[in-house]
Each structure stands twice: as structure tokens, then as C-alpha cells.
Amino acid sequence: MKKYLIVVAAYTDWRQEFYEKYTRNNNKKYCLKHGFEYIEHNEIKEPFRGSFVWNKFYNIRNMIKDDFLKDGDIVSQIDADMAIVDHSIPFQTSKSFAYAIDSCNTHCLGAYTISINSWSRELIENILSEERYRKLNNKITTGSMGEQSSFWQIFTEQASWYSLAGIQRHSWTPFLLMKNWGWHSCVDEDTVYSLEELYQNVEIFPTTWNVTHIPEEDGNDKFYMIPTQKEATTIRHFAGGRKWQKEYFNENI
């Protein structure tokens, strides 16, 4: 078994410099501690489907097709706007797929980990399915503020997972308090996985693994529904335009 941590870092502005100065070293130190090989994708000339976000699953699929990733391997993916704060726990799961519901109540795929096996191989193909993409990419649904828009065009691979697992686009009730974490809260003809399959193959990590909001740092946010203690943060996610803070890296470099 081999373990890999992958980051797509292909910014064309100040964020790339920040990543190279702070994030990269922090990630490498984490990998060294837990036996991960660090893989960085930063020379993507043509993003898959026009988005670097799609490239995350797309790159993993290519690594499987090239026989680089084999059954039993662990491949974990984190966004380049994330800081691994707590280095004590390896980012892996005993199931096939794992991620956290973030502070602002989404089944966030900014960070996820996959155990390569037959089920997860099929999951990756389903996430990237061209047939599903063509059918659902332009489908208009109602957003959190009542707006009408394409969920897929905004949330790409995350929207694909929502469809596969039958998750409603938004909930003002925290998913952690909902039945089945929100799985099967919006079942339709495009839902693929049964609840039995989801429970057997998917692990939901604590929100500390994807902290997208800390009030004293980020101010008020109407979507902040799952509070965590700042000192308990495992991964800090500077999503949604939040300030990238070098202080989260200094102790670990």
C-alpha cells in the first residue's frame, strides 16, 4: 500500500506565491510524518471542463488509468487554500471515501480521502460521468437565497456528489443534525447510491477537518451553522474569499 497527498496549485496571482512560501512546506512536513508521497499539480494548461476544481478527480482518474494508483493505495486531496493545522492524525479512512461537512454546512469536497478499490473506482467514474454532466450541468435549481441557478456550474464535482448521494442543494438545518447527514434528503432519478451503500463505503469526518469559518477572524456569516473550537482545528480552509493567514503555518514549518 502506498499513500499520496495531492494538491492542485495553479494560481496566476498572489495566492500561488503564498502557497509556495507557506502551504507547500507545511504539506510536505505532514506527508513526511505520516508516510504520504506529496504530489503537486501546478502546470495544468487546459483545465478539465474549464475548471481546476474538476481536475482534482480527473487527475486521480488518470493516475488509476495509468496504473499509478493500485487497489489498496490511499489518495488524499486537499485544496491549495487549506492549512493543515493539526499534524497528529493521518488523512485517511478505513472505508472507501471520506470527507467532512464544513463549518458553513456543505458536504465540502475541498478535502477528501479515497481508498482505491472497486467501489471507489466506480465512484470516481460516476463523479466525472460525461453523460451525467451533460444532463445536469445546465439544470436550474433553487439556491440558499431563493436564487435560480445551475448548482453544477457553481459547485462542479461537489454538485455531482450531491446528486449521486441524493443530498439537497442547501439546508438551513445543519446536515450533522439531519437524518443520514442529509444523504437521501433529495432523492430523484439521478440518485445512484443507496443508504446502505453510503453507510458501508463513506465516512463523514468531524467538521474540524474542514473549518471554513471562525467568527473572530472572518466576521459574521449567515451560513455559519456548525461551530468548532479554533484550537481544535485540524484543517483550516480559507474558502469563500476569506483571508489567507500565514499564522496557521508558522508552528508547523
C-alpha atoms as a PDB file:
ATOM      1  CA  MET A   1       0.000   0.000   0.000  1.00  0.00           C
ATOM      2  CA  LYS A   2       1.201   3.471  -0.902  1.00  0.00           C
ATOM      3  CA  LYS A   3      -0.207   6.786   0.294  1.00  0.00           C
ATOM      4  CA  TYR A   4      -0.387  10.031  -1.643  1.00  0.00           C
ATOM      5  CA  LEU A   5      -1.444  13.581  -0.811  1.00  0.00           C
ATOM      6  CA  ILE A   6      -2.373  15.643  -3.869  1.00  0.00           C
ATOM      7  CA  VAL A   7      -2.784  19.386  -4.249  1.00  0.00           C
ATOM      8  CA  VAL A   8      -3.763  21.321  -7.382  1.00  0.00           C
ATOM      9  CA  ALA A   9      -1.982  24.679  -7.113  1.00  0.00           C
ATOM     10  CA  ALA A  10      -2.144  26.571 -10.390  1.00  0.00           C
ATOM     11  CA  TYR A  11      -2.979  30.150  -9.403  1.00  0.00           C
ATOM     12  CA  THR A  12      -1.903  33.116 -11.540  1.00  0.00           C
ATOM     13  CA  ASP A  13      -1.914  35.701  -8.746  1.00  0.00           C
ATOM     14  CA  TRP A  14      -0.602  36.285  -5.185  1.00  0.00           C
ATOM     15  CA  ARG A  15      -2.137  33.010  -3.992  1.00  0.00           C
ATOM     16  CA  GLN A  16       0.468  30.948  -5.828  1.00  0.00           C
ATOM     17  CA  GLU A  17       3.281  32.833  -4.111  1.00  0.00           C
ATOM     18  CA  PHE A  18       1.595  32.331  -0.734  1.00  0.00           C
ATOM     19  CA  TYR A  19       1.169  28.627  -1.458  1.00  0.00           C
ATOM     20  CA  GLU A  20       4.805  28.207  -2.449  1.00  0.00           C
ATOM     21  CA  LYS A  21       6.058  30.131   0.574  1.00  0.00           C
ATOM     22  CA  TYR A  22       3.880  28.632   3.298  1.00  0.00           C
ATOM     23  CA  THR A  23       1.498  25.862   2.241  1.00  0.00           C
ATOM     24  CA  ARG A  24       3.831  23.601   0.296  1.00  0.00           C
ATOM     25  CA  ASN A  25       6.365  23.221   3.106  1.00  0.00           C
ATOM     26  CA  ASN A  26       3.649  22.600   5.650  1.00  0.00           C
ATOM     27  CA  ASN A  27       2.068  19.898   3.472  1.00  0.00           C
ATOM     28  CA  LYS A  28       5.410  18.204   2.867  1.00  0.00           C
ATOM     29  CA  LYS A  29       6.164  18.112   6.563  1.00  0.00           C
ATOM     30  CA  TYR A  30       2.769  16.498   7.192  1.00  0.00           C
ATOM     31  CA  CYS A  31       3.408  13.931   4.465  1.00  0.00           C
ATOM     32  CA  LEU A  32       6.818  13.059   5.852  1.00  0.00           C
ATOM     33  CA  LYS A  33       5.330  12.422   9.276  1.00  0.00           C
ATOM     34  CA  HIS A  34       2.593  10.096   8.025  1.00  0.00           C
ATOM     35  CA  GLY A  35       4.261   8.351   5.102  1.00  0.00           C
ATOM     36  CA  PHE A  36       2.470  10.129   2.249  1.00  0.00           C
ATOM     37  CA  GLU A  37       4.131  10.957  -1.055  1.00  0.00           C
ATOM     38  CA  TYR A  38       3.379  14.579  -1.935  1.00  0.00           C
ATOM     39  CA  ILE A  39       2.098  15.213  -5.466  1.00  0.00           C
ATOM     40  CA  GLU A  40       1.590  18.737  -6.721  1.00  0.00           C
ATOM     41  CA  HIS A  41      -0.203  19.642  -9.935  1.00  0.00           C
ATOM     42  CA  ASN A  42       0.686  23.189 -10.966  1.00  0.00           C
ATOM     43  CA  GLU A  43       1.175  23.064 -14.718  1.00  0.00           C
ATOM     44  CA  ILE A  44      -2.353  22.444 -15.983  1.00  0.00           C
ATOM     45  CA  LYS A  45      -2.682  24.266 -19.298  1.00  0.00           C
ATOM     46  CA  GLU A  46      -6.271  23.325 -20.089  1.00  0.00           C
ATOM     47  CA  PRO A  47      -8.455  22.711 -17.019  1.00  0.00           C
ATOM     48  CA  PHE A  48     -10.877  19.819 -17.367  1.00  0.00           C
ATOM     49  CA  ARG A  49     -14.309  21.217 -18.252  1.00  0.00           C
ATOM     50  CA  GLY A  50     -12.795  24.688 -17.851  1.00  0.00           C
ATOM     51  CA  SER A  51     -12.270  24.382 -14.095  1.00  0.00           C
ATOM     52  CA  PHE A  52      -9.264  23.420 -11.982  1.00  0.00           C
ATOM     53  CA  VAL A  53     -11.761  22.032  -9.455  1.00  0.00           C
ATOM     54  CA  TRP A  54     -12.821  19.304 -11.883  1.00  0.00           C
ATOM     55  CA  ASN A  55      -9.134  18.464 -12.316  1.00  0.00           C
ATOM     56  CA  LYS A  56      -8.932  17.028  -8.819  1.00  0.00           C
ATOM     57  CA  PHE A  57     -10.979  13.896  -9.543  1.00  0.00           C
ATOM     58  CA  TYR A  58      -9.896  13.953 -13.182  1.00  0.00           C
ATOM     59  CA  ASN A  59      -6.220  13.716 -12.238  1.00  0.00           C
ATOM     60  CA  ILE A  60      -6.914  10.841  -9.861  1.00  0.00           C
ATOM     61  CA  ARG A  61      -8.805   9.004 -12.601  1.00  0.00           C
ATOM     62  CA  ASN A  62      -5.837   9.414 -14.922  1.00  0.00           C
ATOM     63  CA  MET A  63      -3.496   8.080 -12.236  1.00  0.00           C
ATOM     64  CA  ILE A  64      -5.711   4.992 -11.994  1.00  0.00           C
ATOM     65  CA  LYS A  65      -5.839   4.559 -15.778  1.00  0.00           C
ATOM     66  CA  ASP A  66      -2.047   4.823 -15.926  1.00  0.00           C
ATOM     67  CA  ASP A  67      -1.845   2.090 -13.253  1.00  0.00           C
ATOM     68  CA  PHE A  68      -0.006   4.501 -10.958  1.00  0.00           C
ATOM     69  CA  LEU A  69      -2.677   4.053  -8.294  1.00  0.00           C
ATOM     70  CA  LYS A  70      -3.462   0.471  -7.377  1.00  0.00           C
ATOM     71  CA  ASP A  71      -6.032  -1.234  -5.169  1.00  0.00           C
ATOM     72  CA  GLY A  72      -5.183  -0.700  -1.531  1.00  0.00           C
ATOM     73  CA  ASP A  73      -3.498   2.651  -2.102  1.00  0.00           C
ATOM     74  CA  ILE A  74      -4.662   5.760  -0.257  1.00  0.00           C
ATOM     75  CA  VAL A  75      -5.020   9.017  -2.164  1.00  0.00           C
ATOM     76  CA  SER A  76      -5.986  12.162  -0.268  1.00  0.00           C
ATOM     77  CA  GLN A  77      -6.730  15.506  -1.873  1.00  0.00           C
ATOM     78  CA  ILE A  78      -6.764  18.955  -0.272  1.00  0.00           C
ATOM     79  CA  ASP A  79      -7.337  22.356  -1.811  1.00  0.00           C
ATOM     80  CA  ALA A  80      -4.429  24.758  -2.124  1.00  0.00           C
ATOM     81  CA  ASP A  81      -6.309  27.266   0.083  1.00  0.00           C
ATOM     82  CA  MET A  82      -6.132  24.939   3.076  1.00  0.00           C
ATOM     83  CA  ALA A  83      -3.765  24.829   6.031  1.00  0.00           C
ATOM     84  CA  ILE A  84      -3.153  21.534   7.805  1.00  0.00           C
ATOM     85  CA  VAL A  85      -3.031  22.751  11.386  1.00  0.00           C
ATOM     86  CA  ASP A  86      -3.046  19.553  13.422  1.00  0.00           C
ATOM     87  CA  HIS A  87      -0.335  17.186  12.170  1.00  0.00           C
ATOM     88  CA  SER A  88      -1.111  14.394  14.621  1.00  0.00           C
ATOM     89  CA  ILE A  89      -3.635  12.412  12.536  1.00  0.00           C
ATOM     90  CA  PRO A  90      -3.137  10.924   9.028  1.00  0.00           C
ATOM     91  CA  PHE A  91      -5.741  11.949   6.464  1.00  0.00           C
ATOM     92  CA  GLN A  92      -7.070   8.532   5.506  1.00  0.00           C
ATOM     93  CA  THR A  93     -10.077   6.299   6.063  1.00  0.00           C
ATOM     94  CA  SER A  94     -10.767   2.623   6.610  1.00  0.00           C
ATOM     95  CA  LYS A  95     -13.740   2.993   4.267  1.00  0.00           C
ATOM     96  CA  SER A  96     -13.685   3.829   0.548  1.00  0.00           C
ATOM     97  CA  PHE A  97     -14.296   7.587   0.686  1.00  0.00           C
ATOM     98  CA  ALA A  98     -14.294  10.220   3.416  1.00  0.00           C
ATOM     99  CA  TYR A  99     -14.775  13.961   3.792  1.00  0.00           C
ATOM    100  CA  ALA A 100     -16.153  16.478   6.303  1.00  0.00           C
ATOM    101  CA  ILE A 101     -19.257  18.641   6.375  1.00  0.00           C
ATOM    102  CA  ASP A 102     -17.738  22.098   6.723  1.00  0.00           C
ATOM    103  CA  SER A 103     -18.489  24.947   9.136  1.00  0.00           C
ATOM    104  CA  CYS A 104     -20.909  26.567   6.683  1.00  0.00           C
ATOM    105  CA  ASN A 105     -22.887  23.367   6.238  1.00  0.00           C
ATOM    106  CA  THR A 106     -21.874  21.865   2.930  1.00  0.00           C
ATOM    107  CA  HIS A 107     -20.711  18.365   2.070  1.00  0.00           C
ATOM    108  CA  CYS A 108     -17.455  20.006   1.074  1.00  0.00           C
ATOM    109  CA  LEU A 109     -15.039  18.277  -1.282  1.00  0.00           C
ATOM    110  CA  GLY A 110     -12.253  20.732  -0.621  1.00  0.00           C
ATOM    111  CA  ALA A 111     -10.623  17.861   1.241  1.00  0.00           C
ATOM    112  CA  TYR A 112     -11.344  14.170   0.810  1.00  0.00           C
ATOM    113  CA  THR A 113      -9.540  10.867   1.030  1.00  0.00           C
ATOM    114  CA  ILE A 114     -10.062   7.736  -1.054  1.00  0.00           C
ATOM    115  CA  SER A 115      -9.071   4.116  -0.548  1.00  0.00           C
ATOM    116  CA  ILE A 116      -8.575   2.672  -4.017  1.00  0.00           C
ATOM    117  CA  ASN A 117     -10.857  -0.312  -4.553  1.00  0.00           C
ATOM    118  CA  SER A 118     -13.630  -1.365  -6.922  1.00  0.00           C
ATOM    119  CA  TRP A 119     -16.238   0.834  -5.209  1.00  0.00           C
ATOM    120  CA  SER A 120     -14.100   3.982  -5.191  1.00  0.00           C
ATOM    121  CA  ARG A 121     -13.023   3.426  -8.795  1.00  0.00           C
ATOM    122  CA  GLU A 122     -16.698   3.425  -9.770  1.00  0.00           C
ATOM    123  CA  LEU A 123     -17.306   6.484  -7.579  1.00  0.00           C
ATOM    124  CA  ILE A 124     -14.651   8.443  -9.479  1.00  0.00           C
ATOM    125  CA  GLU A 125     -16.198   7.442 -12.807  1.00  0.00           C
ATOM    126  CA  ASN A 126     -19.649   8.466 -11.564  1.00  0.00           C
ATOM    127  CA  ILE A 127     -18.388  11.831 -10.296  1.00  0.00           C
ATOM    128  CA  LEU A 128     -16.868  12.551 -13.707  1.00  0.00           C
ATOM    129  CA  SER A 129     -19.537  10.882 -15.864  1.00  0.00           C
ATOM    130  CA  GLU A 130     -19.891  12.814 -19.105  1.00  0.00           C
ATOM    131  CA  GLU A 131     -23.461  11.589 -19.510  1.00  0.00           C
ATOM    132  CA  ARG A 132     -24.467  12.937 -16.094  1.00  0.00           C
ATOM    133  CA  TYR A 133     -22.551  16.160 -16.693  1.00  0.00           C
ATOM    134  CA  ARG A 134     -24.365  16.864 -19.972  1.00  0.00           C
ATOM    135  CA  LYS A 135     -27.714  16.054 -18.422  1.00  0.00           C
ATOM    136  CA  LEU A 136     -27.333  18.035 -15.187  1.00  0.00           C
ATOM    137  CA  ASN A 137     -24.801  20.829 -15.784  1.00  0.00           C
ATOM    138  CA  ASN A 138     -27.436  23.255 -17.052  1.00  0.00           C
ATOM    139  CA  LYS A 139     -30.246  22.125 -14.760  1.00  0.00           C
ATOM    140  CA  ILE A 140     -31.644  25.117 -12.838  1.00  0.00           C
ATOM    141  CA  THR A 141     -32.435  24.633  -9.148  1.00  0.00           C
ATOM    142  CA  THR A 142     -33.187  26.884  -6.187  1.00  0.00           C
ATOM    143  CA  GLY A 143     -30.233  28.085  -4.116  1.00  0.00           C
ATOM    144  CA  SER A 144     -29.896  29.089  -0.474  1.00  0.00           C
ATOM    145  CA  MET A 145     -31.288  32.590  -1.004  1.00  0.00           C
ATOM    146  CA  GLY A 146     -34.057  31.529  -3.370  1.00  0.00           C
ATOM    147  CA  GLU A 147     -31.997  32.265  -6.470  1.00  0.00           C
ATOM    148  CA  GLN A 148     -32.389  30.179  -9.585  1.00  0.00           C
ATOM    149  CA  SER A 149     -29.092  28.875 -10.935  1.00  0.00           C
ATOM    150  CA  SER A 150     -27.160  25.808 -12.014  1.00  0.00           C
ATOM    151  CA  PHE A 151     -25.726  24.072  -8.944  1.00  0.00           C
ATOM    152  CA  TRP A 152     -23.313  22.119 -11.130  1.00  0.00           C
ATOM    153  CA  GLN A 153     -21.853  25.210 -12.767  1.00  0.00           C
ATOM    154  CA  ILE A 154     -21.163  26.736  -9.346  1.00  0.00           C
ATOM    155  CA  PHE A 155     -20.046  23.688  -7.337  1.00  0.00           C
ATOM    156  CA  THR A 156     -18.767  21.306 -10.062  1.00  0.00           C
ATOM    157  CA  GLU A 157     -17.631  17.969  -8.539  1.00  0.00           C
ATOM    158  CA  GLN A 158     -19.364  18.708  -5.245  1.00  0.00           C
ATOM    159  CA  ALA A 159     -22.686  19.105  -7.051  1.00  0.00           C
ATOM    160  CA  SER A 160     -22.016  15.794  -8.771  1.00  0.00           C
ATOM    161  CA  TRP A 161     -21.574  14.112  -5.379  1.00  0.00           C
ATOM    162  CA  TYR A 162     -24.766  15.727  -4.065  1.00  0.00           C
ATOM    163  CA  SER A 163     -26.676  14.209  -6.979  1.00  0.00           C
ATOM    164  CA  LEU A 164     -25.133  10.772  -6.581  1.00  0.00           C
ATOM    165  CA  ALA A 165     -25.889  10.666  -2.831  1.00  0.00           C
ATOM    166  CA  GLY A 166     -29.291  12.377  -3.054  1.00  0.00           C
ATOM    167  CA  ILE A 167     -28.302  15.436  -0.976  1.00  0.00           C
ATOM    168  CA  GLN A 168     -30.454  18.544  -1.118  1.00  0.00           C
ATOM    169  CA  ARG A 169     -28.710  21.620  -2.502  1.00  0.00           C
ATOM    170  CA  HIS A 170     -28.986  23.629   0.723  1.00  0.00           C
ATOM    171  CA  SER A 171     -30.342  23.213   4.230  1.00  0.00           C
ATOM    172  CA  TRP A 172     -30.808  25.791   6.967  1.00  0.00           C
ATOM    173  CA  THR A 173     -30.681  22.849   9.364  1.00  0.00           C
ATOM    174  CA  PRO A 174     -27.119  21.615   9.852  1.00  0.00           C
ATOM    175  CA  PHE A 175     -26.583  18.407   7.908  1.00  0.00           C
ATOM    176  CA  LEU A 176     -24.980  16.921  11.000  1.00  0.00           C
ATOM    177  CA  LEU A 177     -28.368  17.176  12.727  1.00  0.00           C
ATOM    178  CA  MET A 178     -30.316  15.751   9.815  1.00  0.00           C
ATOM    179  CA  LYS A 179     -31.197  12.129   9.311  1.00  0.00           C
ATOM    180  CA  ASN A 180     -28.388  10.318   7.488  1.00  0.00           C
ATOM    181  CA  TRP A 181     -26.302  13.545   7.399  1.00  0.00           C
ATOM    182  CA  GLY A 182     -28.510  14.734   4.553  1.00  0.00           C
ATOM    183  CA  TRP A 183     -27.907  11.712   2.355  1.00  0.00           C
ATOM    184  CA  HIS A 184     -31.189  10.880   0.580  1.00  0.00           C
ATOM    185  CA  SER A 185     -32.725  14.213   1.555  1.00  0.00           C
ATOM    186  CA  CYS A 186     -33.379  14.856  -2.145  1.00  0.00           C
ATOM    187  CA  VAL A 187     -33.750  11.557  -3.958  1.00  0.00           C
ATOM    188  CA  ASP A 188     -34.592  11.606  -7.657  1.00  0.00           C
ATOM    189  CA  GLU A 189     -33.931   9.564 -10.786  1.00  0.00           C
ATOM    190  CA  ASP A 190     -30.281  10.650 -10.778  1.00  0.00           C
ATOM    191  CA  THR A 191     -29.521   9.385  -7.268  1.00  0.00           C
ATOM    192  CA  VAL A 192     -27.201   6.400  -7.603  1.00  0.00           C
ATOM    193  CA  TYR A 193     -26.213   5.238  -4.131  1.00  0.00           C
ATOM    194  CA  SER A 194     -28.495   3.584  -1.606  1.00  0.00           C
ATOM    195  CA  LEU A 195     -28.222   4.485   2.055  1.00  0.00           C
ATOM    196  CA  GLU A 196     -26.828   1.021   2.711  1.00  0.00           C
ATOM    197  CA  GLU A 197     -24.031   1.639   0.187  1.00  0.00           C
ATOM    198  CA  LEU A 198     -23.278   5.062   1.595  1.00  0.00           C
ATOM    199  CA  TYR A 199     -23.022   3.862   5.181  1.00  0.00           C
ATOM    200  CA  GLN A 200     -20.875   0.944   4.137  1.00  0.00           C
ATOM    201  CA  ASN A 201     -18.445   2.932   1.992  1.00  0.00           C
ATOM    202  CA  VAL A 202     -18.398   6.574   3.117  1.00  0.00           C
ATOM    203  CA  GLU A 203     -17.082   8.111   6.335  1.00  0.00           C
ATOM    204  CA  ILE A 204     -18.073  11.602   7.489  1.00  0.00           C
ATOM    205  CA  PHE A 205     -15.186  13.227   9.361  1.00  0.00           C
ATOM    206  CA  PRO A 206     -15.746  15.825  12.098  1.00  0.00           C
ATOM    207  CA  THR A 207     -16.077  19.416  10.911  1.00  0.00           C
ATOM    208  CA  THR A 208     -12.662  20.154  12.436  1.00  0.00           C
ATOM    209  CA  TRP A 209     -11.282  18.613   9.223  1.00  0.00           C
ATOM    210  CA  ASN A 210     -12.752  21.434   7.124  1.00  0.00           C
ATOM    211  CA  VAL A 211     -13.091  24.629   9.164  1.00  0.00           C
ATOM    212  CA  THR A 212     -14.325  27.259   6.721  1.00  0.00           C
ATOM    213  CA  HIS A 213     -15.354  29.899   9.243  1.00  0.00           C
ATOM    214  CA  ILE A 214     -14.061  31.271  12.536  1.00  0.00           C
ATOM    215  CA  PRO A 215     -16.157  34.274  13.646  1.00  0.00           C
ATOM    216  CA  GLU A 216     -13.345  36.209  15.340  1.00  0.00           C
ATOM    217  CA  GLU A 217     -11.338  36.017  12.107  1.00  0.00           C
ATOM    218  CA  ASP A 218     -13.993  36.085   9.409  1.00  0.00           C
ATOM    219  CA  GLY A 219     -16.787  38.198  10.913  1.00  0.00           C
ATOM    220  CA  ASN A 220     -20.431  37.288  10.592  1.00  0.00           C
ATOM    221  CA  ASP A 221     -21.656  34.716   8.101  1.00  0.00           C
ATOM    222  CA  LYS A 222     -25.287  33.688   7.834  1.00  0.00           C
ATOM    223  CA  PHE A 223     -24.199  30.236   6.657  1.00  0.00           C
ATOM    224  CA  TYR A 224     -22.075  29.559   9.747  1.00  0.00           C
ATOM    225  CA  MET A 225     -24.059  26.692  11.258  1.00  0.00           C
ATOM    226  CA  ILE A 226     -21.545  24.187  12.622  1.00  0.00           C
ATOM    227  CA  PRO A 227     -19.340  25.843  15.276  1.00  0.00           C
ATOM    228  CA  THR A 228     -15.999  24.361  16.268  1.00  0.00           C
ATOM    229  CA  GLN A 229     -13.347  25.487  18.704  1.00  0.00           C
ATOM    230  CA  LYS A 230     -10.492  27.283  16.949  1.00  0.00           C
ATOM    231  CA  GLU A 231      -7.896  25.377  18.958  1.00  0.00           C
ATOM    232  CA  ALA A 232      -9.419  22.082  17.773  1.00  0.00           C
ATOM    233  CA  THR A 233      -8.930  22.854  14.069  1.00  0.00           C
ATOM    234  CA  THR A 234      -7.418  20.052  12.022  1.00  0.00           C
ATOM    235  CA  ILE A 235      -7.635  21.766   8.617  1.00  0.00           C
ATOM    236  CA  ARG A 236      -8.349  25.481   8.162  1.00  0.00           C
ATOM    237  CA  HIS A 237      -9.984  26.234   4.824  1.00  0.00           C
ATOM    238  CA  PHE A 238      -9.735  29.813   3.521  1.00  0.00           C
ATOM    239  CA  ALA A 239     -12.766  29.363   1.292  1.00  0.00           C
ATOM    240  CA  GLY A 240     -15.200  31.967   0.040  1.00  0.00           C
ATOM    241  CA  GLY A 241     -12.732  34.839  -0.143  1.00  0.00           C
ATOM    242  CA  ARG A 242     -11.539  34.534   3.451  1.00  0.00           C
ATOM    243  CA  LYS A 243      -8.128  35.963   4.266  1.00  0.00           C
ATOM    244  CA  TRP A 244      -5.240  33.543   3.902  1.00  0.00           C
ATOM    245  CA  GLN A 245      -3.305  33.666   7.171  1.00  0.00           C
ATOM    246  CA  LYS A 246       0.344  32.679   7.418  1.00  0.00           C
ATOM    247  CA  GLU A 247      -0.034  32.303  11.188  1.00  0.00           C
ATOM    248  CA  TYR A 248      -1.648  28.919  10.579  1.00  0.00           C
ATOM    249  CA  PHE A 249       1.581  27.598   9.068  1.00  0.00           C
ATOM    250  CA  ASN A 250       4.334  29.072  11.233  1.00  0.00           C
ATOM    251  CA  GLU A 251       4.298  26.470  14.014  1.00  0.00           C
ATOM    252  CA  ASN A 252       4.421  23.559  11.600  1.00  0.00           C
ATOM    253  CA  ILE A 253       7.200  24.709   9.254  1.00  0.00           C
END
